[in-house]
Amino acid sequence: MTTLITSDRKGSCRMGCGACCIAPSISSPIPGMPDGKPSGVRCVQLNEQHLCMLFGDARRPAVCSQFDFDKEVCGEDREEALATLYWWETATAG
């Protein structure tokens, strides 16, 4: 059974953010995206409320499961998180 991220506690993923499902490229297969996803493309598993539909599901890519909220990365709001993640993506693109 799929569990959506529902926490808005300080130090955890923000409800409705989804920046980590849009800004970075993901090379691992994702259900519905067998070749992964490029940077800036919304993951097909991100719902209308910007929540991961694979949260808690064994099919969720390991790279997604291992990504944790970090104030340095996620900043104060969704826009700051997107900007930081896009910057990291550009800075590390090979």
PDB file of N, CA and C in Angstrom:
ATOM      1  N   MET A   1       0.840  -1.182   0.000  1.00  0.00           N
ATOM      2  CA  MET A   1       0.000   0.000   0.000  1.00  0.00           C
ATOM      3  C   MET A   1       0.885   1.245   0.000  1.00  0.00           C
ATOM      4  N   THR A   2       0.564   2.227  -0.798  1.00  0.00           N
ATOM      5  CA  THR A   2       1.340   3.445  -0.912  1.00  0.00           C
ATOM      6  C   THR A   2       0.964   4.408   0.209  1.00  0.00           C
ATOM      7  N   THR A   3       1.990   5.015   0.802  1.00  0.00           N
ATOM      8  CA  THR A   3       1.783   6.010   1.838  1.00  0.00           C
ATOM      9  C   THR A   3       2.336   7.331   1.334  1.00  0.00           C
ATOM     10  N   LEU A   4       1.554   8.385   1.378  1.00  0.00           N
ATOM     11  CA  LEU A   4       2.022   9.685   0.949  1.00  0.00           C
ATOM     12  C   LEU A   4       2.740  10.378   2.096  1.00  0.00           C
ATOM     13  N   ILE A   5       3.724  11.221   1.749  1.00  0.00           N
ATOM     14  CA  ILE A   5       4.394  12.014   2.774  1.00  0.00           C
ATOM     15  C   ILE A   5       3.346  12.939   3.380  1.00  0.00           C
ATOM     16  N   THR A   6       3.224  12.888   4.679  1.00  0.00           N
ATOM     17  CA  THR A   6       2.210  13.724   5.321  1.00  0.00           C
ATOM     18  C   THR A   6       2.793  14.585   6.431  1.00  0.00           C
ATOM     19  N   SER A   7       4.087  14.575   6.607  1.00  0.00           N
ATOM     20  CA  SER A   7       4.680  15.308   7.710  1.00  0.00           C
ATOM     21  C   SER A   7       4.994  16.743   7.321  1.00  0.00           C
ATOM     22  N   ASP A   8       4.736  17.672   8.232  1.00  0.00           N
ATOM     23  CA  ASP A   8       5.196  19.034   8.029  1.00  0.00           C
ATOM     24  C   ASP A   8       5.981  19.501   9.261  1.00  0.00           C
ATOM     25  N   ARG A   9       6.496  18.526  10.012  1.00  0.00           N
ATOM     26  CA  ARG A   9       7.299  18.833  11.190  1.00  0.00           C
ATOM     27  C   ARG A   9       8.585  19.526  10.776  1.00  0.00           C
ATOM     28  N   LYS A  10       9.108  20.378  11.638  1.00  0.00           N
ATOM     29  CA  LYS A  10      10.385  21.021  11.378  1.00  0.00           C
ATOM     30  C   LYS A  10      11.447  19.931  11.258  1.00  0.00           C
ATOM     31  N   GLY A  11      12.277  20.024  10.241  1.00  0.00           N
ATOM     32  CA  GLY A  11      13.326  19.030  10.059  1.00  0.00           C
ATOM     33  C   GLY A  11      12.887  17.842   9.232  1.00  0.00           C
ATOM     34  N   SER A  12      11.729  17.915   8.602  1.00  0.00           N
ATOM     35  CA  SER A  12      11.270  16.836   7.738  1.00  0.00           C
ATOM     36  C   SER A  12      10.750  17.447   6.443  1.00  0.00           C
ATOM     37  N   CYS A  13      10.469  16.602   5.485  1.00  0.00           N
ATOM     38  CA  CYS A  13       9.965  17.087   4.200  1.00  0.00           C
ATOM     39  C   CYS A  13       8.759  17.989   4.415  1.00  0.00           C
ATOM     40  N   ARG A  14       8.713  19.053   3.617  1.00  0.00           N
ATOM     41  CA  ARG A  14       7.580  19.978   3.693  1.00  0.00           C
ATOM     42  C   ARG A  14       6.437  19.468   2.838  1.00  0.00           C
ATOM     43  N   MET A  15       5.263  19.515   3.369  1.00  0.00           N
ATOM     44  CA  MET A  15       4.066  19.168   2.602  1.00  0.00           C
ATOM     45  C   MET A  15       4.023  20.027   1.346  1.00  0.00           C
ATOM     46  N   GLY A  16       3.790  19.379   0.214  1.00  0.00           N
ATOM     47  CA  GLY A  16       3.599  20.110  -1.026  1.00  0.00           C
ATOM     48  C   GLY A  16       4.836  20.700  -1.640  1.00  0.00           C
ATOM     49  N   CYS A  17       6.018  20.269  -1.251  1.00  0.00           N
ATOM     50  CA  CYS A  17       7.255  20.809  -1.826  1.00  0.00           C
ATOM     51  C   CYS A  17       7.566  20.091  -3.144  1.00  0.00           C
ATOM     52  N   GLY A  18       8.028  18.867  -3.072  1.00  0.00           N
ATOM     53  CA  GLY A  18       8.317  18.083  -4.266  1.00  0.00           C
ATOM     54  C   GLY A  18       9.513  18.532  -5.076  1.00  0.00           C
ATOM     55  N   ALA A  19      10.297  19.481  -4.564  1.00  0.00           N
ATOM     56  CA  ALA A  19      11.446  19.986  -5.325  1.00  0.00           C
ATOM     57  C   ALA A  19      12.425  18.879  -5.694  1.00  0.00           C
ATOM     58  N   CYS A  20      12.605  17.914  -4.799  1.00  0.00           N
ATOM     59  CA  CYS A  20      13.547  16.820  -5.050  1.00  0.00           C
ATOM     60  C   CYS A  20      13.024  15.848  -6.107  1.00  0.00           C
ATOM     61  N   CYS A  21      11.767  16.005  -6.505  1.00  0.00           N
ATOM     62  CA  CYS A  21      11.157  15.159  -7.545  1.00  0.00           C
ATOM     63  C   CYS A  21      11.084  15.887  -8.881  1.00  0.00           C
ATOM     64  N   ILE A  22      11.604  17.108  -8.918  1.00  0.00           N
ATOM     65  CA  ILE A  22      11.562  17.916 -10.137  1.00  0.00           C
ATOM     66  C   ILE A  22      12.969  18.343 -10.564  1.00  0.00           C
ATOM     67  N   ALA A  23      13.697  19.006  -9.679  1.00  0.00           N
ATOM     68  CA  ALA A  23      14.971  19.629 -10.057  1.00  0.00           C
ATOM     69  C   ALA A  23      16.081  18.646 -10.431  1.00  0.00           C
ATOM     70  N   PRO A  24      16.350  17.630  -9.635  1.00  0.00           N
ATOM     71  CA  PRO A  24      17.490  16.772  -9.985  1.00  0.00           C
ATOM     72  C   PRO A  24      17.169  15.751 -11.070  1.00  0.00           C
ATOM     73  N   SER A  25      18.216  15.358 -11.792  1.00  0.00           N
ATOM     74  CA  SER A  25      18.064  14.221 -12.696  1.00  0.00           C
ATOM     75  C   SER A  25      18.128  12.965 -11.837  1.00  0.00           C
ATOM     76  N   ILE A  26      17.443  11.923 -12.287  1.00  0.00           N
ATOM     77  CA  ILE A  26      17.461  10.638 -11.593  1.00  0.00           C
ATOM     78  C   ILE A  26      17.746   9.585 -12.649  1.00  0.00           C
ATOM     79  N   SER A  27      18.857   8.889 -12.505  1.00  0.00           N
ATOM     80  CA  SER A  27      19.249   7.907 -13.526  1.00  0.00           C
ATOM     81  C   SER A  27      18.623   6.534 -13.283  1.00  0.00           C
ATOM     82  N   SER A  28      18.131   6.296 -12.095  1.00  0.00           N
ATOM     83  CA  SER A  28      17.497   5.015 -11.771  1.00  0.00           C
ATOM     84  C   SER A  28      16.131   4.911 -12.426  1.00  0.00           C
ATOM     85  N   PRO A  29      15.724   3.702 -12.789  1.00  0.00           N
ATOM     86  CA  PRO A  29      14.356   3.526 -13.307  1.00  0.00           C
ATOM     87  C   PRO A  29      13.332   3.893 -12.239  1.00  0.00           C
ATOM     88  N   ILE A  30      12.265   4.510 -12.687  1.00  0.00           N
ATOM     89  CA  ILE A  30      11.141   4.893 -11.832  1.00  0.00           C
ATOM     90  C   ILE A  30       9.904   4.278 -12.487  1.00  0.00           C
ATOM     91  N   PRO A  31       8.986   3.700 -11.724  1.00  0.00           N
ATOM     92  CA  PRO A  31       7.764   3.206 -12.359  1.00  0.00           C
ATOM     93  C   PRO A  31       7.118   4.310 -13.209  1.00  0.00           C
ATOM     94  N   GLY A  32       6.943   4.023 -14.479  1.00  0.00           N
ATOM     95  CA  GLY A  32       6.403   5.015 -15.407  1.00  0.00           C
ATOM     96  C   GLY A  32       7.472   5.817 -16.123  1.00  0.00           C
ATOM     97  N   MET A  33       8.722   5.715 -15.656  1.00  0.00           N
ATOM     98  CA  MET A  33       9.864   6.405 -16.269  1.00  0.00           C
ATOM     99  C   MET A  33      11.047   5.428 -16.257  1.00  0.00           C
ATOM    100  N   PRO A  34      11.019   4.428 -17.114  1.00  0.00           N
ATOM    101  CA  PRO A  34      12.023   3.359 -17.062  1.00  0.00           C
ATOM    102  C   PRO A  34      13.464   3.811 -17.284  1.00  0.00           C
ATOM    103  N   ASP A  35      13.657   4.978 -17.896  1.00  0.00           N
ATOM    104  CA  ASP A  35      15.008   5.499 -18.127  1.00  0.00           C
ATOM    105  C   ASP A  35      15.381   6.576 -17.121  1.00  0.00           C
ATOM    106  N   GLY A  36      14.617   6.689 -16.050  1.00  0.00           N
ATOM    107  CA  GLY A  36      14.847   7.752 -15.083  1.00  0.00           C
ATOM    108  C   GLY A  36      14.241   9.052 -15.596  1.00  0.00           C
ATOM    109  N   LYS A  37      14.755  10.179 -15.089  1.00  0.00           N
ATOM    110  CA  LYS A  37      14.236  11.473 -15.524  1.00  0.00           C
ATOM    111  C   LYS A  37      15.337  12.513 -15.587  1.00  0.00           C
ATOM    112  N   PRO A  38      15.251  13.413 -16.568  1.00  0.00           N
ATOM    113  CA  PRO A  38      16.232  14.497 -16.628  1.00  0.00           C
ATOM    114  C   PRO A  38      15.901  15.596 -15.614  1.00  0.00           C
ATOM    115  N   SER A  39      16.880  16.429 -15.346  1.00  0.00           N
ATOM    116  CA  SER A  39      16.689  17.576 -14.466  1.00  0.00           C
ATOM    117  C   SER A  39      15.580  18.473 -15.006  1.00  0.00           C
ATOM    118  N   GLY A  40      14.745  18.956 -14.108  1.00  0.00           N
ATOM    119  CA  GLY A  40      13.690  19.875 -14.486  1.00  0.00           C
ATOM    120  C   GLY A  40      12.413  19.221 -14.963  1.00  0.00           C
ATOM    121  N   VAL A  41      12.421  17.908 -15.087  1.00  0.00           N
ATOM    122  CA  VAL A  41      11.221  17.182 -15.498  1.00  0.00           C
ATOM    123  C   VAL A  41      10.546  16.623 -14.255  1.00  0.00           C
ATOM    124  N   ARG A  42       9.287  16.891 -14.134  1.00  0.00           N
ATOM    125  CA  ARG A  42       8.509  16.416 -12.994  1.00  0.00           C
ATOM    126  C   ARG A  42       8.403  14.891 -13.038  1.00  0.00           C
ATOM    127  N   CYS A  43       8.694  14.231 -11.936  1.00  0.00           N
ATOM    128  CA  CYS A  43       8.543  12.780 -11.845  1.00  0.00           C
ATOM    129  C   CYS A  43       7.066  12.429 -12.010  1.00  0.00           C
ATOM    130  N   VAL A  44       6.787  11.373 -12.769  1.00  0.00           N
ATOM    131  CA  VAL A  44       5.395  10.971 -12.976  1.00  0.00           C
ATOM    132  C   VAL A  44       4.753  10.459 -11.687  1.00  0.00           C
ATOM    133  N   GLN A  45       5.563  10.158 -10.685  1.00  0.00           N
ATOM    134  CA  GLN A  45       5.039   9.677  -9.406  1.00  0.00           C
ATOM    135  C   GLN A  45       4.746  10.811  -8.424  1.00  0.00           C
ATOM    136  N   LEU A  46       4.932  12.043  -8.849  1.00  0.00           N
ATOM    137  CA  LEU A  46       4.617  13.201  -8.014  1.00  0.00           C
ATOM    138  C   LEU A  46       3.177  13.610  -8.307  1.00  0.00           C
ATOM    139  N   ASN A  47       2.333  13.594  -7.276  1.00  0.00           N
ATOM    140  CA  ASN A  47       0.919  13.887  -7.516  1.00  0.00           C
ATOM    141  C   ASN A  47       0.642  15.391  -7.553  1.00  0.00           C
ATOM    142  N   GLU A  48      -0.623  15.744  -7.716  1.00  0.00           N
ATOM    143  CA  GLU A  48      -1.030  17.152  -7.843  1.00  0.00           C
ATOM    144  C   GLU A  48      -0.671  17.992  -6.617  1.00  0.00           C
ATOM    145  N   GLN A  49      -0.582  17.350  -5.462  1.00  0.00           N
ATOM    146  CA  GLN A  49      -0.238  18.049  -4.218  1.00  0.00           C
ATOM    147  C   GLN A  49       1.271  18.052  -3.973  1.00  0.00           C
ATOM    148  N   HIS A  50       2.049  17.652  -4.974  1.00  0.00           N
ATOM    149  CA  HIS A  50       3.512  17.566  -4.884  1.00  0.00           C
ATOM    150  C   HIS A  50       3.953  16.557  -3.832  1.00  0.00           C
ATOM    151  N   LEU A  51       3.250  15.440  -3.752  1.00  0.00           N
ATOM    152  CA  LEU A  51       3.598  14.355  -2.838  1.00  0.00           C
ATOM    153  C   LEU A  51       3.972  13.126  -3.644  1.00  0.00           C
ATOM    154  N   CYS A  52       4.982  12.393  -3.167  1.00  0.00           N
ATOM    155  CA  CYS A  52       5.445  11.189  -3.855  1.00  0.00           C
ATOM    156  C   CYS A  52       4.445  10.050  -3.654  1.00  0.00           C
ATOM    157  N   MET A  53       3.969   9.506  -4.760  1.00  0.00           N
ATOM    158  CA  MET A  53       3.012   8.399  -4.679  1.00  0.00           C
ATOM    159  C   MET A  53       3.709   7.068  -4.401  1.00  0.00           C
ATOM    160  N   LEU A  54       5.056   7.057  -4.409  1.00  0.00           N
ATOM    161  CA  LEU A  54       5.802   5.831  -4.104  1.00  0.00           C
ATOM    162  C   LEU A  54       6.393   5.844  -2.698  1.00  0.00           C
ATOM    163  N   PHE A  55       6.116   6.899  -1.928  1.00  0.00           N
ATOM    164  CA  PHE A  55       6.665   6.978  -0.576  1.00  0.00           C
ATOM    165  C   PHE A  55       6.208   5.762   0.227  1.00  0.00           C
ATOM    166  N   GLY A  56       7.166   5.026   0.791  1.00  0.00           N
ATOM    167  CA  GLY A  56       6.861   3.825   1.559  1.00  0.00           C
ATOM    168  C   GLY A  56       6.678   2.586   0.705  1.00  0.00           C
ATOM    169  N   ASP A  57       6.831   2.712  -0.601  1.00  0.00           N
ATOM    170  CA  ASP A  57       6.642   1.610  -1.546  1.00  0.00           C
ATOM    171  C   ASP A  57       8.020   1.046  -1.934  1.00  0.00           C
ATOM    172  N   ALA A  58       8.142  -0.257  -2.000  1.00  0.00           N
ATOM    173  CA  ALA A  58       9.418  -0.898  -2.347  1.00  0.00           C
ATOM    174  C   ALA A  58       9.891  -0.525  -3.751  1.00  0.00           C
ATOM    175  N   ARG A  59       9.000  -0.063  -4.616  1.00  0.00           N
ATOM    176  CA  ARG A  59       9.386   0.321  -5.981  1.00  0.00           C
ATOM    177  C   ARG A  59      10.039   1.698  -6.049  1.00  0.00           C
ATOM    178  N   ARG A  60       9.997   2.442  -4.965  1.00  0.00           N
ATOM    179  CA  ARG A  60      10.611   3.778  -4.941  1.00  0.00           C
ATOM    180  C   ARG A  60      12.118   3.622  -5.107  1.00  0.00           C
ATOM    181  N   PRO A  61      12.742   4.367  -6.033  1.00  0.00           N
ATOM    182  CA  PRO A  61      14.189   4.244  -6.240  1.00  0.00           C
ATOM    183  C   PRO A  61      14.975   4.529  -4.959  1.00  0.00           C
ATOM    184  N   ALA A  62      16.069   3.793  -4.788  1.00  0.00           N
ATOM    185  CA  ALA A  62      16.908   3.959  -3.596  1.00  0.00           C
ATOM    186  C   ALA A  62      17.397   5.395  -3.455  1.00  0.00           C
ATOM    187  N   VAL A  63      17.754   6.030  -4.560  1.00  0.00           N
ATOM    188  CA  VAL A  63      18.253   7.403  -4.497  1.00  0.00           C
ATOM    189  C   VAL A  63      17.196   8.336  -3.906  1.00  0.00           C
ATOM    190  N   CYS A  64      15.952   8.064  -4.181  1.00  0.00           N
ATOM    191  CA  CYS A  64      14.862   8.874  -3.621  1.00  0.00           C
ATOM    192  C   CYS A  64      14.681   8.576  -2.129  1.00  0.00           C
ATOM    193  N   SER A  65      14.719   7.305  -1.783  1.00  0.00           N
ATOM    194  CA  SER A  65      14.558   6.909  -0.378  1.00  0.00           C
ATOM    195  C   SER A  65      15.689   7.437   0.495  1.00  0.00           C
ATOM    196  N   GLN A  66      16.876   7.578  -0.083  1.00  0.00           N
ATOM    197  CA  GLN A  66      18.042   8.019   0.683  1.00  0.00           C
ATOM    198  C   GLN A  66      18.137   9.534   0.811  1.00  0.00           C
ATOM    199  N   PHE A  67      17.358  10.252   0.018  1.00  0.00           N
ATOM    200  CA  PHE A  67      17.382  11.709   0.099  1.00  0.00           C
ATOM    201  C   PHE A  67      16.567  12.151   1.302  1.00  0.00           C
ATOM    202  N   ASP A  68      17.211  12.879   2.205  1.00  0.00           N
ATOM    203  CA  ASP A  68      16.543  13.362   3.410  1.00  0.00           C
ATOM    204  C   ASP A  68      16.460  14.878   3.400  1.00  0.00           C
ATOM    205  N   PHE A  69      15.456  15.380   4.072  1.00  0.00           N
ATOM    206  CA  PHE A  69      15.343  16.825   4.274  1.00  0.00           C
ATOM    207  C   PHE A  69      16.626  17.325   4.922  1.00  0.00           C
ATOM    208  N   ASP A  70      17.169  18.375   4.381  1.00  0.00           N
ATOM    209  CA  ASP A  70      18.350  19.023   4.940  1.00  0.00           C
ATOM    210  C   ASP A  70      18.136  20.521   4.767  1.00  0.00           C
ATOM    211  N   LYS A  71      18.163  21.261   5.837  1.00  0.00           N
ATOM    212  CA  LYS A  71      17.907  22.704   5.800  1.00  0.00           C
ATOM    213  C   LYS A  71      18.822  23.401   4.795  1.00  0.00           C
ATOM    214  N   GLU A  72      20.066  22.927   4.663  1.00  0.00           N
ATOM    215  CA  GLU A  72      21.010  23.535   3.724  1.00  0.00           C
ATOM    216  C   GLU A  72      20.541  23.365   2.279  1.00  0.00           C
ATOM    217  N   VAL A  73      19.944  22.243   1.981  1.00  0.00           N
ATOM    218  CA  VAL A  73      19.455  21.955   0.632  1.00  0.00           C
ATOM    219  C   VAL A  73      18.050  22.513   0.433  1.00  0.00           C
ATOM    220  N   CYS A  74      17.188  22.273   1.380  1.00  0.00           N
ATOM    221  CA  CYS A  74      15.766  22.577   1.224  1.00  0.00           C
ATOM    222  C   CYS A  74      15.401  24.008   1.570  1.00  0.00           C
ATOM    223  N   GLY A  75      16.277  24.707   2.278  1.00  0.00           N
ATOM    224  CA  GLY A  75      16.043  26.111   2.581  1.00  0.00           C
ATOM    225  C   GLY A  75      14.771  26.366   3.358  1.00  0.00           C
ATOM    226  N   GLU A  76      14.217  27.542   3.134  1.00  0.00           N
ATOM    227  CA  GLU A  76      13.034  27.994   3.874  1.00  0.00           C
ATOM    228  C   GLU A  76      11.719  27.641   3.195  1.00  0.00           C
ATOM    229  N   ASP A  77      11.766  27.407   1.876  1.00  0.00           N
ATOM    230  CA  ASP A  77      10.527  27.129   1.156  1.00  0.00           C
ATOM    231  C   ASP A  77      10.813  26.369  -0.134  1.00  0.00           C
ATOM    232  N   ARG A  78       9.762  26.012  -0.843  1.00  0.00           N
ATOM    233  CA  ARG A  78       9.863  25.219  -2.069  1.00  0.00           C
ATOM    234  C   ARG A  78      10.733  25.912  -3.121  1.00  0.00           C
ATOM    235  N   GLU A  79      10.553  27.216  -3.299  1.00  0.00           N
ATOM    236  CA  GLU A  79      11.310  27.950  -4.311  1.00  0.00           C
ATOM    237  C   GLU A  79      12.806  27.913  -4.013  1.00  0.00           C
ATOM    238  N   GLU A  80      13.160  28.051  -2.745  1.00  0.00           N
ATOM    239  CA  GLU A  80      14.566  27.991  -2.365  1.00  0.00           C
ATOM    240  C   GLU A  80      15.126  26.586  -2.586  1.00  0.00           C
ATOM    241  N   ALA A  81      14.333  25.576  -2.274  1.00  0.00           N
ATOM    242  CA  ALA A  81      14.758  24.191  -2.506  1.00  0.00           C
ATOM    243  C   ALA A  81      14.982  23.939  -3.993  1.00  0.00           C
ATOM    244  N   LEU A  82      14.061  24.373  -4.831  1.00  0.00           N
ATOM    245  CA  LEU A  82      14.217  24.207  -6.280  1.00  0.00           C
ATOM    246  C   LEU A  82      15.480  24.904  -6.771  1.00  0.00           C
ATOM    247  N   ALA A  83      15.705  26.133  -6.329  1.00  0.00           N
ATOM    248  CA  ALA A  83      16.882  26.887  -6.768  1.00  0.00           C
ATOM    249  C   ALA A  83      18.177  26.178  -6.362  1.00  0.00           C
ATOM    250  N   THR A  84      18.241  25.707  -5.137  1.00  0.00           N
ATOM    251  CA  THR A  84      19.442  25.018  -4.658  1.00  0.00           C
ATOM    252  C   THR A  84      19.669  23.711  -5.409  1.00  0.00           C
ATOM    253  N   LEU A  85      18.622  22.943  -5.580  1.00  0.00           N
ATOM    254  CA  LEU A  85      18.759  21.658  -6.276  1.00  0.00           C
ATOM    255  C   LEU A  85      19.120  21.853  -7.747  1.00  0.00           C
ATOM    256  N   TYR A  86      18.563  22.871  -8.406  1.00  0.00           N
ATOM    257  CA  TYR A  86      18.953  23.169  -9.789  1.00  0.00           C
ATOM    258  C   TYR A  86      20.420  23.576  -9.843  1.00  0.00           C
ATOM    259  N   TRP A  87      20.850  24.394  -8.886  1.00  0.00           N
ATOM    260  CA  TRP A  87      22.249  24.821  -8.848  1.00  0.00           C
ATOM    261  C   TRP A  87      23.161  23.598  -8.691  1.00  0.00           C
ATOM    262  N   TRP A  88      22.836  22.702  -7.753  1.00  0.00           N
ATOM    263  CA  TRP A  88      23.640  21.493  -7.554  1.00  0.00           C
ATOM    264  C   TRP A  88      23.677  20.644  -8.818  1.00  0.00           C
ATOM    265  N   GLU A  89      22.540  20.527  -9.465  1.00  0.00           N
ATOM    266  CA  GLU A  89      22.459  19.726 -10.699  1.00  0.00           C
ATOM    267  C   GLU A  89      23.390  20.303 -11.764  1.00  0.00           C
ATOM    268  N   THR A  90      23.348  21.613 -11.940  1.00  0.00           N
ATOM    269  CA  THR A  90      24.205  22.271 -12.929  1.00  0.00           C
ATOM    270  C   THR A  90      25.676  22.160 -12.555  1.00  0.00           C
ATOM    271  N   ALA A  91      25.971  22.351 -11.274  1.00  0.00           N
ATOM    272  CA  ALA A  91      27.362  22.315 -10.809  1.00  0.00           C
ATOM    273  C   ALA A  91      27.983  20.927 -10.916  1.00  0.00           C
ATOM    274  N   THR A  92      27.174  19.896 -10.883  1.00  0.00           N
ATOM    275  CA  THR A  92      27.715  18.527 -10.902  1.00  0.00           C
ATOM    276  C   THR A  92      27.482  17.802 -12.224  1.00  0.00           C
ATOM    277  N   ALA A  93      26.850  18.488 -13.192  1.00  0.00           N
ATOM    278  CA  ALA A  93      26.598  17.852 -14.497  1.00  0.00           C
ATOM    279  C   ALA A  93      27.919  17.596 -15.209  1.00  0.00           C
ATOM    280  N   GLY A  94      28.013  16.414 -15.773  1.00  0.00           N
ATOM    281  CA  GLY A  94      29.270  16.047 -16.424  1.00  0.00           C
ATOM    282  C   GLY A  94      29.213  16.149 -17.845  1.00  0.00           C
TER     283      GLY A  94
END
